[in-house]
Protein backbone atom coordinates (compact mmCIF):
# COMPACT_ATOMS: atom_id res chain seq x y z
CA MET A 1 68.62 -49.32 174.93
CA CYS A 2 68.59 -48.41 170.99
CA GLN A 3 70.72 -50.57 168.79
CA HIS A 4 72.79 -47.27 168.22
CA GLU A 5 73.84 -47.49 172.10
CA LEU A 6 74.73 -50.73 171.94
CA ASN A 7 77.19 -50.84 168.75
CA PRO A 8 77.08 -48.01 166.48
CA SER A 9 79.13 -49.38 164.54
CA HIS A 10 77.12 -52.40 162.85
CA PHE A 11 73.82 -51.44 163.12
CA GLU A 12 73.36 -48.19 161.01
CA GLU A 13 73.02 -48.99 157.31
CA ASN A 14 71.13 -51.61 155.30
CA LYS A 15 69.24 -54.20 157.05
CA GLU A 16 68.86 -56.81 154.49
CA GLU A 17 69.61 -60.50 155.42
CA ILE A 18 72.27 -61.53 153.28
CA THR A 19 72.18 -64.80 151.40
CA HIS A 20 75.81 -66.05 152.10
CA SER A 21 74.40 -66.63 155.69
CA ASN A 22 71.98 -69.30 154.43
CA LEU A 23 74.27 -71.37 152.31
CA GLN A 24 75.48 -74.72 153.78
CA TRP A 25 79.50 -76.14 153.68
CA ASN A 26 78.17 -78.62 151.14
CA GLN A 27 76.14 -76.56 148.82
CA TYR A 28 79.20 -74.26 147.94
CA ARG A 29 82.24 -75.91 149.04
CA GLU A 30 82.78 -78.37 146.01
CA SER A 31 81.90 -75.10 143.57
CA ILE A 32 85.47 -73.29 144.68
CA GLN A 33 87.26 -76.06 144.99
CA GLY A 34 90.92 -75.75 144.03
CA MET A 35 90.47 -71.67 144.48
CA LYS A 36 92.61 -69.71 146.67
CA PHE A 37 91.42 -66.77 148.66
CA PHE A 38 93.29 -63.40 150.18
CA ASP A 39 90.75 -61.63 152.63
CA PRO A 40 92.37 -58.26 153.16
CA HIS A 41 90.41 -56.94 156.60
CA VAL A 42 89.64 -59.52 159.39
CA HIS A 43 89.98 -58.89 162.84
CA MET A 44 91.45 -62.61 164.10
CA THR A 45 92.24 -61.44 167.64
CA SER A 46 88.60 -61.64 168.27
CA ARG A 47 88.09 -65.21 166.57
CA THR A 48 89.23 -68.69 167.73
CA THR A 49 91.17 -71.24 166.35
CA ASP A 50 88.36 -73.41 164.89
CA ASP A 51 87.44 -69.90 162.38
CA TYR A 52 91.07 -70.56 161.52
CA GLN A 53 90.83 -74.32 160.38
CA ALA A 54 87.53 -73.57 158.37
CA MET A 55 89.11 -70.51 156.83
CA ALA A 56 92.10 -72.78 155.68
CA ASP A 57 90.08 -75.50 154.83
CA ALA A 58 87.79 -72.95 152.51
CA GLY A 59 90.83 -71.59 150.94
CA ILE A 60 92.02 -68.81 152.69
CA VAL A 61 95.73 -68.42 152.29
CA ALA A 62 97.06 -64.82 153.61
CA LEU A 63 94.89 -62.03 155.28
CA ILE A 64 95.56 -58.41 156.51
CA GLU A 65 94.20 -57.91 160.26
CA PRO A 66 93.83 -54.39 160.70
CA ALA A 67 94.05 -52.60 164.13
CA PHE A 68 91.03 -51.90 165.69
CA TRP A 69 88.78 -50.96 168.41
CA LEU A 70 88.14 -53.28 171.12
CA GLY A 71 84.39 -52.99 171.63
CA GLN A 72 85.06 -50.76 174.49
CA PRO A 73 87.83 -47.80 175.20
CA ARG A 74 91.59 -48.34 175.97
CA THR A 75 92.42 -46.31 178.77
CA GLY A 76 96.23 -46.25 178.34
CA VAL A 77 99.17 -46.23 176.11
CA ALA A 78 100.35 -49.32 177.42
CA SER A 79 97.03 -51.21 176.02
CA PHE A 80 98.14 -50.04 172.76
CA LYS A 81 101.36 -51.64 172.84
CA ASP A 82 100.12 -54.84 173.66
CA TYR A 83 97.76 -54.95 171.39
CA PHE A 84 100.11 -53.58 168.30
CA SER A 85 102.44 -56.29 169.56
CA SER A 86 100.28 -59.19 169.56
CA LEU A 87 99.37 -58.50 165.65
CA VAL A 88 102.92 -58.77 164.61
CA GLY A 89 103.88 -61.92 167.14
CA TRP A 90 101.37 -64.05 168.79
CA GLU A 91 98.39 -63.67 165.92
CA ARG A 92 101.09 -63.73 163.29
CA PHE A 93 101.94 -67.20 164.67
CA ARG A 94 98.67 -67.95 165.38
CA SER A 95 97.63 -67.79 162.11
CA SER A 96 100.99 -69.67 160.61
CA GLN A 97 99.73 -73.12 162.61
CA PHE A 98 96.85 -73.15 160.21
CA GLY A 99 98.96 -72.79 157.36
CA ILE A 100 97.59 -69.21 156.34
CA LYS A 101 99.83 -66.36 155.75
CA HIS A 102 99.14 -63.60 158.32
CA TYR A 103 100.11 -59.44 157.98
CA CYS A 104 98.57 -56.39 159.34
CA THR A 105 98.09 -52.73 159.23
CA ILE A 106 99.26 -50.64 162.35
CA GLY A 107 97.36 -47.48 163.06
CA LEU A 108 95.36 -45.43 165.46
CA ASN A 109 91.44 -46.41 165.19
CA SER A 110 88.98 -43.52 164.30
CA ARG A 111 86.96 -44.47 167.48
CA GLU A 112 89.71 -43.65 170.05
CA ALA A 113 91.17 -40.77 167.70
CA ASN A 114 88.65 -38.73 169.85
CA ASN A 115 90.55 -39.50 173.56
CA GLU A 116 93.37 -36.61 172.08
CA ALA A 117 95.41 -36.91 175.40
CA LEU A 118 95.78 -40.95 174.80
CA ALA A 119 95.85 -40.45 171.14
CA GLU A 120 99.00 -38.25 171.17
CA GLN A 121 100.51 -41.18 173.43
CA VAL A 122 99.35 -43.52 170.62
CA MET A 123 100.96 -41.15 167.62
CA GLU A 124 104.17 -41.28 169.43
CA VAL A 125 104.55 -45.16 169.29
CA LEU A 126 103.43 -45.96 165.55
CA PRO A 127 106.45 -45.17 164.41
CA LEU A 128 107.92 -47.95 166.55
CA PHE A 129 105.48 -50.67 164.70
CA ILE A 130 104.64 -49.64 161.40
CA TYR A 131 108.33 -50.76 160.50
CA LYS A 132 107.97 -54.05 161.94
CA GLU A 133 108.19 -57.24 159.68
CA GLY A 134 104.37 -58.17 158.65
CA VAL A 135 103.17 -54.76 158.79
CA VAL A 136 101.86 -53.71 155.31
CA GLY A 137 100.04 -50.83 155.71
CA VAL A 138 98.53 -47.76 158.09
CA GLY A 139 94.85 -48.81 159.05
CA GLU A 140 92.98 -48.71 159.58
CA ILE A 141 92.23 -45.27 159.74
CA GLY A 142 89.78 -42.57 158.60
CA PHE A 143 86.33 -41.02 160.12
CA ASP A 144 83.85 -42.00 162.47
CA ASP A 145 81.59 -39.25 163.55
CA GLN A 146 83.73 -37.06 161.45
CA THR A 147 84.84 -34.59 164.16
CA PRO A 148 87.99 -32.20 164.38
CA ALA A 149 90.15 -34.81 166.04
CA GLU A 150 89.61 -37.74 164.02
CA GLU A 151 90.45 -35.93 161.06
CA LYS A 152 93.65 -34.30 163.26
CA TYR A 153 95.03 -37.73 163.67
CA TYR A 154 93.87 -38.83 160.03
CA ARG A 155 96.07 -36.47 158.71
CA LEU A 156 98.88 -36.99 161.14
CA GLN A 157 98.90 -40.84 160.32
CA LEU A 158 98.76 -39.98 156.31
CA GLU A 159 102.00 -38.27 156.84
CA LEU A 160 103.30 -41.57 158.50
CA ALA A 161 102.11 -43.38 155.94
CA LYS A 162 104.09 -41.23 153.62
CA GLU A 163 107.12 -41.43 155.16
CA ALA A 164 107.29 -45.23 155.17
CA ASN A 165 106.26 -45.56 151.96
CA LEU A 166 103.05 -47.67 152.86
CA PRO A 167 99.75 -48.14 151.66
CA VAL A 168 96.69 -46.72 153.56
CA GLN A 169 93.70 -48.49 154.61
CA ILE A 170 90.72 -46.37 155.18
CA HIS A 171 87.73 -46.93 157.42
CA THR A 172 84.49 -45.03 155.96
CA PRO A 173 82.33 -43.99 158.30
CA HIS A 174 78.88 -45.86 159.07
CA ARG A 175 76.97 -42.98 159.28
CA ASP A 176 77.08 -40.19 156.07
CA LYS A 177 79.11 -42.32 154.28
CA LYS A 178 79.28 -41.00 151.32
CA GLN A 179 80.38 -37.28 152.39
CA GLY A 180 82.92 -38.93 154.71
CA THR A 181 84.18 -41.36 151.99
CA GLU A 182 84.89 -38.17 149.61
CA ARG A 183 86.29 -36.31 152.88
CA SER A 184 88.32 -39.01 153.08
CA MET A 185 89.77 -39.07 149.62
CA ALA A 186 90.30 -35.59 149.31
CA ILE A 187 92.21 -35.25 152.30
CA ALA A 188 94.62 -37.96 151.53
CA LEU A 189 94.89 -36.51 147.56
CA GLU A 190 95.73 -32.93 149.85
CA HIS A 191 98.20 -34.78 151.31
CA GLY A 192 99.79 -36.04 147.77
CA LEU A 193 98.93 -39.45 148.87
CA ASP A 194 99.04 -41.84 145.38
CA PRO A 195 95.75 -43.17 144.98
CA GLY A 196 96.98 -46.29 144.08
CA MET A 197 98.26 -46.75 147.55
CA VAL A 198 95.16 -46.25 149.21
CA ILE A 199 92.39 -48.41 149.98
CA ILE A 200 89.00 -47.29 151.01
CA ASP A 201 87.10 -49.92 152.79
CA HIS A 202 83.41 -50.32 153.75
CA ASN A 203 82.19 -49.09 150.21
CA ASN A 204 78.48 -49.57 148.59
CA GLU A 205 76.90 -48.71 145.82
CA GLU A 206 76.79 -45.49 146.72
CA THR A 207 80.51 -44.68 146.96
CA VAL A 208 82.40 -47.05 144.51
CA LYS A 209 81.95 -45.31 141.20
CA SER A 210 83.34 -42.04 143.01
CA VAL A 211 86.45 -44.25 144.42
CA LEU A 212 86.99 -45.73 141.12
CA ASP A 213 86.79 -42.65 138.88
CA GLN A 214 89.46 -40.88 141.34
CA GLY A 215 91.84 -44.14 141.14
CA PHE A 216 91.48 -45.67 144.82
CA TRP A 217 91.08 -49.23 145.30
CA ALA A 218 87.79 -50.06 146.21
CA ALA A 219 87.11 -52.94 149.01
CA PHE A 220 83.78 -53.94 149.96
CA THR A 221 83.09 -55.79 153.47
CA ILE A 222 80.87 -58.49 153.56
CA TYR A 223 79.04 -58.29 156.89
CA PRO A 224 75.76 -59.80 158.14
CA PHE A 225 72.72 -57.32 158.16
CA THR A 226 74.83 -54.47 157.35
CA LYS A 227 77.23 -53.19 155.08
CA MET A 228 77.15 -54.99 152.06
CA GLY A 229 75.44 -58.31 151.12
CA ASN A 230 77.13 -61.03 149.07
CA GLU A 231 74.36 -60.73 146.31
CA ARG A 232 74.54 -57.08 146.04
CA MET A 233 78.32 -57.37 145.81
CA VAL A 234 77.74 -59.86 142.81
CA GLU A 235 76.02 -56.83 141.15
CA VAL A 236 78.45 -54.14 141.63
CA VAL A 237 81.03 -56.84 140.19
CA ARG A 238 78.48 -57.26 137.14
CA GLN A 239 78.41 -53.37 136.60
CA TYR A 240 82.02 -52.09 137.66
CA GLY A 241 84.38 -55.60 136.46
CA PRO A 242 87.04 -56.88 138.74
CA GLU A 243 89.60 -53.97 138.46
CA ARG A 244 90.41 -52.38 141.88
CA ILE A 245 88.06 -53.72 143.06
CA MET A 246 88.29 -56.44 146.33
CA VAL A 247 85.89 -58.09 149.22
CA ASN A 248 87.00 -58.59 152.72
CA SER A 249 85.19 -60.60 155.64
CA ALA A 250 85.86 -57.66 158.50
CA ALA A 251 84.93 -60.05 160.86
CA ASP A 252 85.48 -59.29 164.21
CA TRP A 253 83.55 -59.65 167.64
CA GLY A 254 80.27 -58.67 166.52
CA ILE A 255 78.15 -61.08 164.21
CA SER A 256 80.22 -61.52 161.47
CA ASP A 257 81.41 -64.04 158.93
CA PRO A 258 84.96 -65.48 158.68
CA LEU A 259 84.01 -67.38 155.28
CA ALA A 260 82.80 -64.29 153.73
CA VAL A 261 85.24 -64.10 150.80
CA PRO A 262 84.99 -67.76 149.57
CA LYS A 263 81.27 -67.65 149.93
CA THR A 264 80.83 -64.74 147.98
CA ALA A 265 83.51 -66.35 145.78
CA ALA A 266 81.11 -69.13 145.13
CA LEU A 267 77.94 -66.99 145.03
CA MET A 268 79.90 -64.98 142.33
CA LYS A 269 80.26 -68.34 140.27
CA MET A 270 76.87 -69.46 140.77
CA LYS A 271 75.52 -65.87 139.39
CA GLY A 272 77.67 -66.26 136.62
CA ILE A 273 80.92 -63.98 137.01
CA SER A 274 84.19 -65.71 135.55
CA ASP A 275 86.58 -67.30 137.36
CA GLU A 276 89.30 -64.62 136.37
CA ALA A 277 86.98 -61.85 137.78
CA ILE A 278 86.41 -63.46 140.89
CA ARG A 279 90.22 -64.35 141.58
CA LEU A 280 90.91 -60.92 140.76
CA VAL A 281 88.34 -59.36 143.70
CA THR A 282 88.60 -62.03 145.94
CA TYR A 283 92.43 -62.95 145.84
CA GLN A 284 94.98 -61.07 143.10
CA ASN A 285 93.69 -57.42 144.14
CA ALA A 286 94.30 -57.70 147.52
CA LEU A 287 97.86 -59.15 147.01
CA ASP A 288 98.63 -56.48 144.22
CA ALA A 289 97.04 -53.37 146.40
CA PHE A 290 99.08 -54.14 149.41
CA GLY A 291 102.08 -55.78 147.77
CA LYS A 292 102.79 -52.27 147.48
CA SER A 293 104.44 -52.45 150.98
CA GLY A 294 106.91 -54.55 149.72
CA GLN A 295 106.36 -57.41 152.32
CA ILE A 296 104.16 -59.75 150.65
CA PHE A 297 105.58 -62.45 148.74
CA GLU A 298 103.41 -65.02 147.38
CA GLU A 299 105.58 -67.89 147.45
CA GLU A 300 105.64 -67.74 150.96
CA PHE A 301 102.08 -68.70 150.82
CA GLY A 302 100.71 -72.63 152.39
CA GLY A 303 103.93 -74.78 152.72
CA GLU A 304 104.21 -77.05 156.16
CA ILE A 305 102.52 -77.03 159.18
CA ASP A 306 103.80 -78.23 162.56
CA GLN A 307 101.66 -77.08 165.28
CA SER A 308 104.11 -78.41 167.84
CA GLN A 309 105.86 -75.06 167.15
CA LYS A 310 106.44 -72.09 170.16
CA PHE A 311 105.64 -68.56 170.29
CA ASN A 312 107.56 -67.14 173.58
CA GLY A 313 107.36 -70.74 175.42
CA ASN A 314 103.64 -71.03 174.00
CA THR A 315 101.64 -73.48 171.56
CA ILE A 316 98.16 -73.59 170.03
CA LEU A 317 97.83 -76.73 171.91
CA ARG A 318 96.84 -76.59 175.27
CA GLY A 319 96.79 -79.37 178.02
CA GLY A 320 99.15 -81.90 176.03
CA GLN A 321 96.36 -81.70 172.90
CA GLN A 322 97.62 -83.30 169.77
CA PRO A 323 96.78 -81.79 166.50
CA ARG A 324 93.51 -81.82 165.23
CA ILE A 325 93.25 -83.73 161.96
CA ASP A 326 89.77 -84.97 160.99
CA LYS A 327 87.60 -81.72 160.75
CA ASP A 328 84.65 -83.77 159.64
CA SER A 329 84.66 -86.03 162.14
CA LEU A 330 81.35 -86.67 164.78
CA PHE A 331 83.38 -87.48 167.79
CA ILE A 332 85.62 -85.06 169.54
CA SER A 333 88.55 -87.00 171.11
């Protein structure tokens, strides 16, 4: 079976082996000490509590989890309801247990928009979720194979975002990226969206100039072996500056790194990018872009952690576990 058949989302771009995956914690930890980070695209449903702890230790104080596909198609609208409920419920709670503020975007992803019978049902339930606490946008939506069905549901969700006055998080396709990105922006403008309310994600060197020139936010995904490497990201910031640019990990069930944002910050610092530019692309720009939802308040970041708290009667502690305190210990008691 070819790689395309295995996972078309992650194997169809640059095969560059990115440097950040080879950096060890002690090599970059000190250089970013005291910095705080906001990862505006990470799929924590697919990650472990150890990932949450590592992210907190690295300075990540807030994140956004976009609704996406699970690796195989859902077969009924109830599974979408349960998934959306988990994003505004359990996952938000789980993140809080590690001192990380969790937000999400809600939408019908482009891959599953091609099942039109199911997509119609999902569109009916989206308004039940996009107004909930912690939902900071409609996303991630857009194109995958750039089919008529994908365009239909992309347009419908742009209208939902306009009605709710929420930012839009756009997934640009892995194939024919430049064409798909231009098409995504053109349709958003056709629907009367303010480019300042639209985050174009998964950019690369081929798309960034047009995205910025048209006034959109340009997000870059640092994802091993595909999308963008963080050495390339350093050069993008060096060339275009930090305005309206943000980096994310898009860490999910694939080969990915939930520490991609702080690692990229460390590499930028090593390469001479200013602390202020680093702060903008790894923290402030995400806060400003998604803060237009009216749901993000910086003063709520951090605070006391009580891992004995419960959500619907459940905690993150299993079988009488005590909260782990010393993450550097060799021994796991």
